[in-house]
Structure formats: C-alpha cells, structure tokens
C-alpha cells in the first residue's frame, strides 16, 4: 500500500508540473526595445478588472496587464510595455506610466513585490511611498478620479491568438504591419499615444539601417557612379554641337563673289529683317540679273553681224 501511495504522489506531482508549465512565465531584466525574458506559449487569457479599463491575466504568474492597446508588465520595480503579448518590450519610466495602470488594485498583481505587503488589496499600490516625494509631486492627483467617468476598455487584440509558437512574429516591422491590418483601434490615452510615437521614432533609423545592407549600399554607389558619366555626356553634347552649327552659318553667310557682296549690301539696306535665309534668297537674284545681262549682250551680237552683212553687200554692188 505504501508503494502505491508513493506512485500516486509522484504521478500527481508530474501532472501538476505539466499543467503549470503551460502558464509558466519567466521574466528577466532587459534593455529597452528588447526582450525581457517573457516566454508565453500562446496568447494569454485576459479578464477585465471590474470598474477599470484594464485587463489582467489571472492564470499567469506575472504582473501582466492590458490597457489602451498595449500590454503592460511590472517586474523588479520597472514597467514595460509592448503592442504584442510576447514582446519585445520597452521600458517605461515611472513618470510616463498611465494613471489607469497605476490605479490597478493590489489584488490583481499575481506576483506582488514584497513591499506590497500590508497594503489594502482593493486599493492601488502606494507609489508615492515607493518612488519618493518628488515623483508624488509630479504625478499629483493620480489616485483621485471619478469611477463613474472611467473610459471604456480598448478592444482586445484577439487576432494575436493565431500567432503562437513558431508563428509568433518577433520582428517589430512585421508586428506593426499585422497590427495595422488587423487592429484598427487608436489609443486615446495621451501617454500611450506619446509612447507609440517615441517607439516609432526610435525604430525608424534602425529599420532603415537594417533594410540597407552592404550589398544595397554598394549597388547604390554603383548606380550613382554610372549615372554621373551619362550626365556629363548629356552636358557635353550641346557644347560640341554649337560650333558645328556656327560653322554652318558661317559657310552659308560667306560671299560667292565681290559683285554678289555689293548686291547683298544693297539688299540689306532695303530689307528690315536680315538673316541667313534672306541671304540665301539673294544669291539667285544676282545670278538672274547676270543671266539677263548676258541675254542682252547675246541679242546685240546678231544685230552687229547683220549690219556687217549689209555693208558687205553694198560694197559688192558698187
């Protein structure tokens, strides 16, 4: 009977350890915008805190919350936030934590730190005692609010249930792309909006550097070098063509003879718009005048010949 009891106890311990492994969370300290060691096998179960626009994870051994489109974790005196349930996480300073996250009652912290002991479970933690008088002056009035005027909670990002295990998108760019496609909610809390903006500004330079690899940079420099000779050739082409055009105009404007040159001078005085085309038209006119003059001379020569024949006939008759 004792052996059977020992076997049953061992089996019970094994089963309980296997069941708790599904909800076990290991949390460590990390750098901002990096993993802090939260390893969830799947999207956690979230339950709303009554009267608060906040959700908590009752089955996780961690201070795990959801508020205004972000997941929040409190571990080792630090707050971390992420838009996905398994990170990567960004550290949030005590001065920037939203008031409704600070107001979460103590009883909903699944792993409360030791200094929470003795505090009322239905009241928020005494952050002023923990972070000091300076913080309390900066965040004055954080624990005073009208419960009836609390905003409605943001919708849960249930689309993330489809991404667990190996399908979880660890790249921040992929997470943002899926969130824009599947989650249309826009945060209302000014601190959360500012947090989104700061994280986007921090990711933008790193994203550009990752997208520009060494090969991309080398190809970009080659493209620039290739485009430079083309630009030089394009700039040099009109310069090389301008002398040729000028040479053609000089050749066209060159006079053919002194007689034509005098005629062109007269035509220029008469015309109001001199040009290369007009000079080309003047050349045939001078040639026509020469041809007419030659025709007159040729007509005079037969008359002279006829006069000589008549004189010869008179001499013969005499």
C-alpha atoms as a PDB file:
ATOM      1  CA  UNK A   1       0.000   0.000   0.000  1.00  0.00           C
ATOM      2  CA  UNK A   2       2.863   2.402   0.771  1.00  0.00           C
ATOM      3  CA  UNK A   3       4.383   1.807  -2.652  1.00  0.00           C
ATOM      4  CA  UNK A   4       1.076   2.554  -4.348  1.00  0.00           C
ATOM      5  CA  UNK A   5       0.736   5.782  -2.396  1.00  0.00           C
ATOM      6  CA  UNK A   6       4.242   6.897  -3.376  1.00  0.00           C
ATOM      7  CA  UNK A   7       3.485   6.160  -7.030  1.00  0.00           C
ATOM      8  CA  UNK A   8       0.259   8.180  -6.904  1.00  0.00           C
ATOM      9  CA  UNK A   9       2.054  11.116  -5.260  1.00  0.00           C
ATOM     10  CA  UNK A  10       4.776  11.115  -7.920  1.00  0.00           C
ATOM     11  CA  UNK A  11       2.194  10.973 -10.722  1.00  0.00           C
ATOM     12  CA  UNK A  12       0.285  13.836  -9.148  1.00  0.00           C
ATOM     13  CA  UNK A  13       3.404  15.953  -8.947  1.00  0.00           C
ATOM     14  CA  UNK A  14       4.269  15.218 -12.585  1.00  0.00           C
ATOM     15  CA  UNK A  15       0.775  16.105 -13.774  1.00  0.00           C
ATOM     16  CA  UNK A  16       0.674  19.292 -11.754  1.00  0.00           C
ATOM     17  CA  UNK A  17       4.081  20.365 -13.052  1.00  0.00           C
ATOM     18  CA  UNK A  18       2.998  19.671 -16.653  1.00  0.00           C
ATOM     19  CA  UNK A  19      -0.191  21.695 -16.183  1.00  0.00           C
ATOM     20  CA  UNK A  20       1.654  24.623 -14.631  1.00  0.00           C
ATOM     21  CA  UNK A  21       4.227  24.604 -17.445  1.00  0.00           C
ATOM     22  CA  UNK A  22       1.543  25.882 -19.827  1.00  0.00           C
ATOM     23  CA  UNK A  23       1.118  29.088 -17.819  1.00  0.00           C
ATOM     24  CA  UNK A  24       4.669  29.454 -16.513  1.00  0.00           C
ATOM     25  CA  UNK A  25       6.312  32.805 -17.237  1.00  0.00           C
ATOM     26  CA  UNK A  26       9.984  33.577 -16.893  1.00  0.00           C
ATOM     27  CA  UNK A  27      10.703  37.286 -16.593  1.00  0.00           C
ATOM     28  CA  UNK A  28      14.119  38.889 -16.648  1.00  0.00           C
ATOM     29  CA  UNK A  29      15.526  42.383 -16.908  1.00  0.00           C
ATOM     30  CA  UNK A  30      16.454  43.565 -20.385  1.00  0.00           C
ATOM     31  CA  UNK A  31      17.261  46.701 -22.324  1.00  0.00           C
ATOM     32  CA  UNK A  32      14.547  48.966 -23.768  1.00  0.00           C
ATOM     33  CA  UNK A  33      13.023  47.752 -27.022  1.00  0.00           C
ATOM     34  CA  UNK A  34      14.468  44.286 -26.404  1.00  0.00           C
ATOM     35  CA  UNK A  35      13.260  41.001 -24.950  1.00  0.00           C
ATOM     36  CA  UNK A  36      12.982  40.888 -21.155  1.00  0.00           C
ATOM     37  CA  UNK A  37      12.565  37.116 -20.991  1.00  0.00           C
ATOM     38  CA  UNK A  38       8.775  36.735 -21.126  1.00  0.00           C
ATOM     39  CA  UNK A  39       8.129  33.429 -22.884  1.00  0.00           C
ATOM     40  CA  UNK A  40       4.447  32.712 -23.390  1.00  0.00           C
ATOM     41  CA  UNK A  41       3.471  29.608 -25.371  1.00  0.00           C
ATOM     42  CA  UNK A  42       0.258  31.280 -26.573  1.00  0.00           C
ATOM     43  CA  UNK A  43      -1.985  34.286 -26.260  1.00  0.00           C
ATOM     44  CA  UNK A  44      -2.912  34.538 -22.544  1.00  0.00           C
ATOM     45  CA  UNK A  45      -6.370  34.622 -21.044  1.00  0.00           C
ATOM     46  CA  UNK A  46      -7.323  38.185 -20.121  1.00  0.00           C
ATOM     47  CA  UNK A  47     -10.077  39.241 -17.719  1.00  0.00           C
ATOM     48  CA  UNK A  48     -11.269  42.764 -17.156  1.00  0.00           C
ATOM     49  CA  UNK A  49     -10.659  44.402 -13.803  1.00  0.00           C
ATOM     50  CA  UNK A  50     -14.147  45.403 -12.545  1.00  0.00           C
ATOM     51  CA  UNK A  51     -14.728  49.128 -12.925  1.00  0.00           C
ATOM     52  CA  UNK A  52     -11.366  49.730 -14.666  1.00  0.00           C
ATOM     53  CA  UNK A  53     -10.469  50.000 -18.361  1.00  0.00           C
ATOM     54  CA  UNK A  54      -7.760  47.425 -17.710  1.00  0.00           C
ATOM     55  CA  UNK A  55      -7.398  43.649 -18.184  1.00  0.00           C
ATOM     56  CA  UNK A  56      -5.200  41.266 -16.204  1.00  0.00           C
ATOM     57  CA  UNK A  57      -4.016  37.698 -16.776  1.00  0.00           C
ATOM     58  CA  UNK A  58      -5.237  35.581 -13.819  1.00  0.00           C
ATOM     59  CA  UNK A  59      -3.501  32.381 -14.963  1.00  0.00           C
ATOM     60  CA  UNK A  60      -0.047  33.856 -15.381  1.00  0.00           C
ATOM     61  CA  UNK A  61       2.489  34.041 -12.581  1.00  0.00           C
ATOM     62  CA  UNK A  62       3.329  37.603 -13.558  1.00  0.00           C
ATOM     63  CA  UNK A  63       2.035  41.137 -13.182  1.00  0.00           C
ATOM     64  CA  UNK A  64       0.624  41.124 -16.682  1.00  0.00           C
ATOM     65  CA  UNK A  65      -1.977  43.692 -17.826  1.00  0.00           C
ATOM     66  CA  UNK A  66      -3.549  45.163 -20.947  1.00  0.00           C
ATOM     67  CA  UNK A  67      -4.566  48.808 -21.262  1.00  0.00           C
ATOM     68  CA  UNK A  68      -5.341  51.037 -24.256  1.00  0.00           C
ATOM     69  CA  UNK A  69      -3.870  48.720 -26.950  1.00  0.00           C
ATOM     70  CA  UNK A  70      -0.667  47.920 -25.020  1.00  0.00           C
ATOM     71  CA  UNK A  71       0.409  45.048 -22.802  1.00  0.00           C
ATOM     72  CA  UNK A  72       1.991  46.108 -19.519  1.00  0.00           C
ATOM     73  CA  UNK A  73       4.299  44.153 -17.219  1.00  0.00           C
ATOM     74  CA  UNK A  74       5.606  45.210 -13.814  1.00  0.00           C
ATOM     75  CA  UNK A  75       8.757  43.397 -12.782  1.00  0.00           C
ATOM     76  CA  UNK A  76      11.637  44.352 -10.472  1.00  0.00           C
ATOM     77  CA  UNK A  77      10.420  47.917  -9.948  1.00  0.00           C
ATOM     78  CA  UNK A  78      10.174  48.585 -13.675  1.00  0.00           C
ATOM     79  CA  UNK A  79       7.257  48.936 -16.045  1.00  0.00           C
ATOM     80  CA  UNK A  80       7.466  47.502 -19.574  1.00  0.00           C
ATOM     81  CA  UNK A  81       5.072  47.918 -22.468  1.00  0.00           C
ATOM     82  CA  UNK A  82       4.568  46.156 -25.788  1.00  0.00           C
ATOM     83  CA  UNK A  83       1.951  46.031 -28.514  1.00  0.00           C
ATOM     84  CA  UNK A  84       2.283  42.204 -28.660  1.00  0.00           C
ATOM     85  CA  UNK A  85       1.754  39.762 -25.828  1.00  0.00           C
ATOM     86  CA  UNK A  86       5.252  38.268 -26.023  1.00  0.00           C
ATOM     87  CA  UNK A  87       7.297  41.379 -26.675  1.00  0.00           C
ATOM     88  CA  UNK A  88       9.779  42.769 -27.455  1.00  0.00           C
ATOM     89  CA  UNK A  89       9.280  45.114 -24.560  1.00  0.00           C
ATOM     90  CA  UNK A  90      10.140  48.744 -23.982  1.00  0.00           C
ATOM     91  CA  UNK A  91      10.877  50.199 -20.595  1.00  0.00           C
ATOM     92  CA  UNK A  92       8.535  52.947 -19.377  1.00  0.00           C
ATOM     93  CA  UNK A  93       9.678  55.351 -16.693  1.00  0.00           C
ATOM     94  CA  UNK A  94       7.577  55.964 -13.567  1.00  0.00           C
ATOM     95  CA  UNK A  95       6.772  59.473 -14.795  1.00  0.00           C
ATOM     96  CA  UNK A  96       5.217  58.122 -18.031  1.00  0.00           C
ATOM     97  CA  UNK A  97       3.072  55.243 -16.754  1.00  0.00           C
ATOM     98  CA  UNK A  98      -0.646  55.955 -17.451  1.00  0.00           C
ATOM     99  CA  UNK A  99      -2.753  56.735 -14.410  1.00  0.00           C
ATOM    100  CA  UNK A 100      -5.189  53.877 -15.010  1.00  0.00           C
ATOM    101  CA  UNK A 101      -2.289  51.423 -14.940  1.00  0.00           C
ATOM    102  CA  UNK A 102      -1.087  52.950 -11.674  1.00  0.00           C
ATOM    103  CA  UNK A 103      -4.613  52.620 -10.249  1.00  0.00           C
ATOM    104  CA  UNK A 104      -4.853  48.841 -10.671  1.00  0.00           C
ATOM    105  CA  UNK A 105      -5.690  47.383  -7.227  1.00  0.00           C
ATOM    106  CA  UNK A 106      -3.060  45.355  -5.444  1.00  0.00           C
ATOM    107  CA  UNK A 107      -5.094  42.124  -5.549  1.00  0.00           C
ATOM    108  CA  UNK A 108      -4.679  41.875  -9.350  1.00  0.00           C
ATOM    109  CA  UNK A 109      -0.895  41.665  -9.157  1.00  0.00           C
ATOM    110  CA  UNK A 110      -0.229  37.925  -9.499  1.00  0.00           C
ATOM    111  CA  UNK A 111       3.368  38.348  -8.302  1.00  0.00           C
ATOM    112  CA  UNK A 112       3.294  41.333  -5.965  1.00  0.00           C
ATOM    113  CA  UNK A 113       6.682  42.573  -4.756  1.00  0.00           C
ATOM    114  CA  UNK A 114       7.481  42.299  -1.048  1.00  0.00           C
ATOM    115  CA  UNK A 115       6.825  45.973  -0.332  1.00  0.00           C
ATOM    116  CA  UNK A 116       3.163  45.474  -1.335  1.00  0.00           C
ATOM    117  CA  UNK A 117       2.564  43.567   1.893  1.00  0.00           C
ATOM    118  CA  UNK A 118       0.237  45.275   4.324  1.00  0.00           C
ATOM    119  CA  UNK A 119      -1.347  47.442   1.624  1.00  0.00           C
ATOM    120  CA  UNK A 120      -5.064  47.302   1.010  1.00  0.00           C
ATOM    121  CA  UNK A 121      -5.862  44.738  -1.699  1.00  0.00           C
ATOM    122  CA  UNK A 122      -8.739  46.769  -3.113  1.00  0.00           C
ATOM    123  CA  UNK A 123      -6.646  49.968  -3.420  1.00  0.00           C
ATOM    124  CA  UNK A 124      -3.803  50.817  -5.798  1.00  0.00           C
ATOM    125  CA  UNK A 125      -0.199  50.473  -4.666  1.00  0.00           C
ATOM    126  CA  UNK A 126       1.300  53.318  -2.676  1.00  0.00           C
ATOM    127  CA  UNK A 127       3.551  54.507  -5.448  1.00  0.00           C
ATOM    128  CA  UNK A 128       4.352  57.731  -3.626  1.00  0.00           C
ATOM    129  CA  UNK A 129       5.895  55.796  -0.751  1.00  0.00           C
ATOM    130  CA  UNK A 130       7.888  53.645  -3.160  1.00  0.00           C
ATOM    131  CA  UNK A 131       9.116  56.203  -5.722  1.00  0.00           C
ATOM    132  CA  UNK A 132       9.503  59.121  -3.373  1.00  0.00           C
ATOM    133  CA  UNK A 133       8.155  62.585  -2.719  1.00  0.00           C
ATOM    134  CA  UNK A 134       9.438  64.069  -5.994  1.00  0.00           C
ATOM    135  CA  UNK A 135       7.504  61.555  -8.033  1.00  0.00           C
ATOM    136  CA  UNK A 136       4.365  62.183  -5.975  1.00  0.00           C
ATOM    137  CA  UNK A 137       4.585  65.900  -6.663  1.00  0.00           C
ATOM    138  CA  UNK A 138       4.981  65.321 -10.405  1.00  0.00           C
ATOM    139  CA  UNK A 139       2.089  62.883 -10.544  1.00  0.00           C
ATOM    140  CA  UNK A 140      -0.140  64.689  -8.094  1.00  0.00           C
ATOM    141  CA  UNK A 141      -3.759  63.548  -8.217  1.00  0.00           C
ATOM    142  CA  UNK A 142      -3.084  60.215  -9.909  1.00  0.00           C
ATOM    143  CA  UNK A 143      -5.125  58.346  -7.252  1.00  0.00           C
ATOM    144  CA  UNK A 144      -8.114  60.713  -7.333  1.00  0.00           C
ATOM    145  CA  UNK A 145     -10.690  60.048 -10.027  1.00  0.00           C
ATOM    146  CA  UNK A 146     -14.375  59.585 -10.630  1.00  0.00           C
ATOM    147  CA  UNK A 147     -15.089  55.878 -11.087  1.00  0.00           C
ATOM    148  CA  UNK A 148     -18.291  56.627 -12.958  1.00  0.00           C
ATOM    149  CA  UNK A 149     -16.353  58.615 -15.578  1.00  0.00           C
ATOM    150  CA  UNK A 150     -13.872  55.851 -16.353  1.00  0.00           C
ATOM    151  CA  UNK A 151     -13.430  55.273 -20.109  1.00  0.00           C
ATOM    152  CA  UNK A 152     -14.441  52.061 -21.780  1.00  0.00           C
ATOM    153  CA  UNK A 153     -11.663  49.494 -22.191  1.00  0.00           C
ATOM    154  CA  UNK A 154      -9.913  49.139 -25.517  1.00  0.00           C
ATOM    155  CA  UNK A 155     -10.803  46.021 -27.554  1.00  0.00           C
ATOM    156  CA  UNK A 156      -8.518  43.084 -27.011  1.00  0.00           C
ATOM    157  CA  UNK A 157      -6.164  42.187 -29.889  1.00  0.00           C
ATOM    158  CA  UNK A 158      -7.628  38.698 -30.256  1.00  0.00           C
ATOM    159  CA  UNK A 159      -6.093  38.381 -33.732  1.00  0.00           C
ATOM    160  CA  UNK A 160      -2.808  37.605 -31.973  1.00  0.00           C
ATOM    161  CA  UNK A 161      -4.178  34.202 -30.949  1.00  0.00           C
ATOM    162  CA  UNK A 162      -3.322  32.973 -34.450  1.00  0.00           C
ATOM    163  CA  UNK A 163       0.359  33.730 -33.882  1.00  0.00           C
ATOM    164  CA  UNK A 164       1.864  31.464 -31.274  1.00  0.00           C
ATOM    165  CA  UNK A 165       4.974  29.323 -31.015  1.00  0.00           C
ATOM    166  CA  UNK A 166       6.986  29.359 -34.223  1.00  0.00           C
ATOM    167  CA  UNK A 167       4.414  31.586 -35.923  1.00  0.00           C
ATOM    168  CA  UNK A 168       4.980  34.436 -33.495  1.00  0.00           C
ATOM    169  CA  UNK A 169       6.353  37.476 -35.365  1.00  0.00           C
ATOM    170  CA  UNK A 170       9.468  38.507 -33.495  1.00  0.00           C
ATOM    171  CA  UNK A 171      10.377  41.240 -35.962  1.00  0.00           C
ATOM    172  CA  UNK A 172       8.994  44.627 -34.952  1.00  0.00           C
ATOM    173  CA  UNK A 173       8.267  45.625 -38.552  1.00  0.00           C
ATOM    174  CA  UNK A 174       6.137  42.524 -39.077  1.00  0.00           C
ATOM    175  CA  UNK A 175       4.273  43.155 -35.820  1.00  0.00           C
ATOM    176  CA  UNK A 176       3.441  46.699 -36.838  1.00  0.00           C
ATOM    177  CA  UNK A 177       2.271  45.539 -40.263  1.00  0.00           C
ATOM    178  CA  UNK A 178      -0.084  42.939 -38.781  1.00  0.00           C
ATOM    179  CA  UNK A 179      -1.368  45.387 -36.195  1.00  0.00           C
ATOM    180  CA  UNK A 180      -2.208  47.963 -38.861  1.00  0.00           C
ATOM    181  CA  UNK A 181      -4.038  45.327 -40.883  1.00  0.00           C
ATOM    182  CA  UNK A 182      -5.920  43.554 -38.100  1.00  0.00           C
ATOM    183  CA  UNK A 183      -6.283  46.086 -35.272  1.00  0.00           C
ATOM    184  CA  UNK A 184      -7.935  49.394 -36.141  1.00  0.00           C
ATOM    185  CA  UNK A 185      -8.141  50.832 -32.632  1.00  0.00           C
ATOM    186  CA  UNK A 186      -6.367  54.126 -31.973  1.00  0.00           C
ATOM    187  CA  UNK A 187      -5.174  54.790 -28.393  1.00  0.00           C
ATOM    188  CA  UNK A 188      -6.940  57.549 -26.505  1.00  0.00           C
ATOM    189  CA  UNK A 189      -4.610  57.989 -23.565  1.00  0.00           C
ATOM    190  CA  UNK A 190      -2.135  60.817 -24.323  1.00  0.00           C
ATOM    191  CA  UNK A 191       0.674  58.946 -22.585  1.00  0.00           C
ATOM    192  CA  UNK A 192       0.065  55.857 -24.715  1.00  0.00           C
ATOM    193  CA  UNK A 193      -0.040  57.917 -27.909  1.00  0.00           C
ATOM    194  CA  UNK A 194       3.224  59.568 -26.974  1.00  0.00           C
ATOM    195  CA  UNK A 195       4.695  56.171 -26.195  1.00  0.00           C
ATOM    196  CA  UNK A 196       3.708  54.908 -29.656  1.00  0.00           C
ATOM    197  CA  UNK A 197       5.250  57.956 -31.305  1.00  0.00           C
ATOM    198  CA  UNK A 198       8.535  57.671 -29.412  1.00  0.00           C
ATOM    199  CA  UNK A 199       8.874  53.992 -30.223  1.00  0.00           C
ATOM    200  CA  UNK A 200       8.170  54.669 -33.897  1.00  0.00           C
ATOM    201  CA  UNK A 201      10.838  57.383 -33.980  1.00  0.00           C
ATOM    202  CA  UNK A 202      13.362  55.084 -32.328  1.00  0.00           C
ATOM    203  CA  UNK A 203      12.606  52.241 -34.729  1.00  0.00           C
ATOM    204  CA  UNK A 204      12.696  54.303 -37.917  1.00  0.00           C
ATOM    205  CA  UNK A 205      16.505  54.867 -38.083  1.00  0.00           C
ATOM    206  CA  UNK A 206      17.241  51.276 -37.081  1.00  0.00           C
ATOM    207  CA  UNK A 207      14.769  49.982 -39.641  1.00  0.00           C
ATOM    208  CA  UNK A 208      16.399  51.979 -42.419  1.00  0.00           C
ATOM    209  CA  UNK A 209      19.845  50.687 -41.471  1.00  0.00           C
ATOM    210  CA  UNK A 210      18.615  47.097 -41.441  1.00  0.00           C
ATOM    211  CA  UNK A 211      16.920  47.478 -44.783  1.00  0.00           C
ATOM    212  CA  UNK A 212      20.100  48.938 -46.264  1.00  0.00           C
ATOM    213  CA  UNK A 213      22.540  46.089 -46.248  1.00  0.00           C
ATOM    214  CA  UNK A 214      26.132  46.233 -47.517  1.00  0.00           C
ATOM    215  CA  UNK A 215      25.049  44.947 -50.915  1.00  0.00           C
ATOM    216  CA  UNK A 216      22.351  47.617 -51.218  1.00  0.00           C
ATOM    217  CA  UNK A 217      24.805  50.346 -50.306  1.00  0.00           C
ATOM    218  CA  UNK A 218      27.355  49.071 -52.870  1.00  0.00           C
ATOM    219  CA  UNK A 219      24.753  48.844 -55.620  1.00  0.00           C
ATOM    220  CA  UNK A 220      23.532  52.333 -54.782  1.00  0.00           C
ATOM    221  CA  UNK A 221      27.054  53.739 -55.128  1.00  0.00           C
ATOM    222  CA  UNK A 222      27.479  51.926 -58.443  1.00  0.00           C
ATOM    223  CA  UNK A 223      24.234  53.404 -59.723  1.00  0.00           C
ATOM    224  CA  UNK A 224      25.418  56.864 -58.737  1.00  0.00           C
ATOM    225  CA  UNK A 225      28.742  56.338 -60.477  1.00  0.00           C
ATOM    226  CA  UNK A 226      27.030  55.028 -63.585  1.00  0.00           C
ATOM    227  CA  UNK A 227      24.681  57.970 -63.736  1.00  0.00           C
ATOM    228  CA  UNK A 228      27.498  60.527 -63.442  1.00  0.00           C
ATOM    229  CA  UNK A 229      29.118  59.810 -66.877  1.00  0.00           C
ATOM    230  CA  UNK A 230      25.715  59.933 -68.510  1.00  0.00           C
ATOM    231  CA  UNK A 231      25.064  63.336 -67.058  1.00  0.00           C
ATOM    232  CA  UNK A 232      28.464  64.531 -68.212  1.00  0.00           C
ATOM    233  CA  UNK A 233      27.846  63.212 -71.721  1.00  0.00           C
ATOM    234  CA  UNK A 234      24.464  64.926 -71.832  1.00  0.00           C
ATOM    235  CA  UNK A 235      26.014  68.166 -70.717  1.00  0.00           C
ATOM    236  CA  UNK A 236      28.893  67.900 -73.230  1.00  0.00           C
ATOM    237  CA  UNK A 237      26.679  67.116 -76.225  1.00  0.00           C
ATOM    238  CA  UNK A 238      25.187  70.571 -76.759  1.00  0.00           C
ATOM    239  CA  UNK A 239      28.613  72.166 -76.318  1.00  0.00           C
ATOM    240  CA  UNK A 240      30.098  70.022 -79.100  1.00  0.00           C
ATOM    241  CA  UNK A 241      27.194  70.724 -81.423  1.00  0.00           C
ATOM    242  CA  UNK A 242      27.241  74.508 -81.028  1.00  0.00           C
ATOM    243  CA  UNK A 243      30.488  75.061 -83.008  1.00  0.00           C
ATOM    244  CA  UNK A 244      29.193  72.914 -85.833  1.00  0.00           C
ATOM    245  CA  UNK A 245      26.051  74.966 -86.140  1.00  0.00           C
ATOM    246  CA  UNK A 246      28.050  78.136 -86.035  1.00  0.00           C
ATOM    247  CA  UNK A 247      30.300  76.782 -88.782  1.00  0.00           C
ATOM    248  CA  UNK A 248      27.314  76.045 -90.986  1.00  0.00           C
ATOM    249  CA  UNK A 249      26.055  79.607 -90.532  1.00  0.00           C
ATOM    250  CA  UNK A 250      29.484  80.976 -91.416  1.00  0.00           C
ATOM    251  CA  UNK A 251      29.646  78.852 -94.528  1.00  0.00           C
ATOM    252  CA  UNK A 252      26.185  79.952 -95.579  1.00  0.00           C
ATOM    253  CA  UNK A 253      26.971  83.631 -94.992  1.00  0.00           C
ATOM    254  CA  UNK A 254      30.290  83.543 -96.956  1.00  0.00           C
ATOM    255  CA  UNK A 255      30.016  85.666-100.170  1.00  0.00           C
ATOM    256  CA  UNK A 256      30.480  83.967-103.542  1.00  0.00           C
ATOM    257  CA  UNK A 257      31.935  86.985-105.402  1.00  0.00           C
ATOM    258  CA  UNK A 258      32.576  90.740-104.971  1.00  0.00           C
ATOM    259  CA  UNK A 259      29.582  91.533-107.225  1.00  0.00           C
ATOM    260  CA  UNK A 260      27.311  89.407-105.040  1.00  0.00           C
ATOM    261  CA  UNK A 261      28.731  91.023-101.940  1.00  0.00           C
ATOM    262  CA  UNK A 262      27.817  94.505-103.186  1.00  0.00           C
ATOM    263  CA  UNK A 263      24.369  93.277-104.134  1.00  0.00           C
ATOM    264  CA  UNK A 264      23.879  91.800-100.619  1.00  0.00           C
ATOM    265  CA  UNK A 265      24.833  95.106 -99.037  1.00  0.00           C
ATOM    266  CA  UNK A 266      22.173  96.858-101.100  1.00  0.00           C
ATOM    267  CA  UNK A 267      19.576  94.244-100.251  1.00  0.00           C
ATOM    268  CA  UNK A 268      20.373  94.525 -96.543  1.00  0.00           C
ATOM    269  CA  UNK A 269      19.741  98.243 -96.626  1.00  0.00           C
ATOM    270  CA  UNK A 270      16.381  97.698 -98.273  1.00  0.00           C
ATOM    271  CA  UNK A 271      15.232  94.787 -96.101  1.00  0.00           C
ATOM    272  CA  UNK A 272      14.309  95.217 -92.410  1.00  0.00           C
ATOM    273  CA  UNK A 273      14.984  91.605 -91.247  1.00  0.00           C
ATOM    274  CA  UNK A 274      18.320  90.288 -92.452  1.00  0.00           C
ATOM    275  CA  UNK A 275      19.058  86.612 -91.951  1.00  0.00           C
ATOM    276  CA  UNK A 276      20.667  83.528 -93.317  1.00  0.00           C
ATOM    277  CA  UNK A 277      17.556  82.544 -95.255  1.00  0.00           C
ATOM    278  CA  UNK A 278      17.315  86.026 -96.831  1.00  0.00           C
ATOM    279  CA  UNK A 279      20.936  85.868 -97.904  1.00  0.00           C
ATOM    280  CA  UNK A 280      20.283  82.516 -99.494  1.00  0.00           C
ATOM    281  CA  UNK A 281      17.384  84.054-101.388  1.00  0.00           C
ATOM    282  CA  UNK A 282      19.518  86.996-102.560  1.00  0.00           C
ATOM    283  CA  UNK A 283      22.054  84.792-104.285  1.00  0.00           C
ATOM    284  CA  UNK A 284      19.646  83.537-107.001  1.00  0.00           C
ATOM    285  CA  UNK A 285      18.533  87.163-107.661  1.00  0.00           C
ATOM    286  CA  UNK A 286      22.061  88.252-108.505  1.00  0.00           C
ATOM    287  CA  UNK A 287      22.536  85.211-110.672  1.00  0.00           C
ATOM    288  CA  UNK A 288      19.281  86.075-112.550  1.00  0.00           C
ATOM    289  CA  UNK A 289      20.493  89.581-113.205  1.00  0.00           C
ATOM    290  CA  UNK A 290      23.728  88.246-114.684  1.00  0.00           C
ATOM    291  CA  UNK A 291      21.812  85.864-116.924  1.00  0.00           C
ATOM    292  CA  UNK A 292      19.564  88.712-118.166  1.00  0.00           C
ATOM    293  CA  UNK A 293      22.608  90.860-118.877  1.00  0.00           C
ATOM    294  CA  UNK A 294      24.206  88.015-120.841  1.00  0.00           C
ATOM    295  CA  UNK A 295      20.949  87.613-122.835  1.00  0.00           C
ATOM    296  CA  UNK A 296      21.018  91.275-123.808  1.00  0.00           C
ATOM    297  CA  UNK A 297      24.623  91.018-124.945  1.00  0.00           C
ATOM    298  CA  UNK A 298      23.812  87.927-126.981  1.00  0.00           C
ATOM    299  CA  UNK A 299      20.901  89.737-128.626  1.00  0.00           C
ATOM    300  CA  UNK A 300      23.151  92.640-129.589  1.00  0.00           C
ATOM    301  CA  UNK A 301      25.738  90.439-131.313  1.00  0.00           C
ATOM    302  CA  UNK A 302      23.347  89.165-134.130  1.00  0.00           C
ATOM    303  CA  UNK A 303      22.399  92.789-134.856  1.00  0.00           C
ATOM    304  CA  UNK A 304      26.030  93.672-135.234  1.00  0.00           C
ATOM    305  CA  UNK A 305      26.501  90.650-137.586  1.00  0.00           C
ATOM    306  CA  UNK A 306      23.538  91.720-139.698  1.00  0.00           C
ATOM    307  CA  UNK A 307      24.981  95.211-140.075  1.00  0.00           C
ATOM    308  CA  UNK A 308      28.275  93.840-141.291  1.00  0.00           C
ATOM    309  CA  UNK A 309      26.499  91.664-143.890  1.00  0.00           C
ATOM    310  CA  UNK A 310      24.608  94.726-145.203  1.00  0.00           C
ATOM    311  CA  UNK A 311      27.824  96.732-145.550  1.00  0.00           C
ATOM    312  CA  UNK A 312      29.483  93.871-147.450  1.00  0.00           C
ATOM    313  CA  UNK A 313      26.504  93.686-149.860  1.00  0.00           C
ATOM    314  CA  UNK A 314      26.745  97.428-150.596  1.00  0.00           C
ATOM    315  CA  UNK A 315      30.429  97.111-151.441  1.00  0.00           C
ATOM    316  CA  UNK A 316      29.738  94.274-153.895  1.00  0.00           C
ATOM    317  CA  UNK A 317      27.022  96.249-155.694  1.00  0.00           C
ATOM    318  CA  UNK A 318      29.301  99.167-156.160  1.00  0.00           C
END
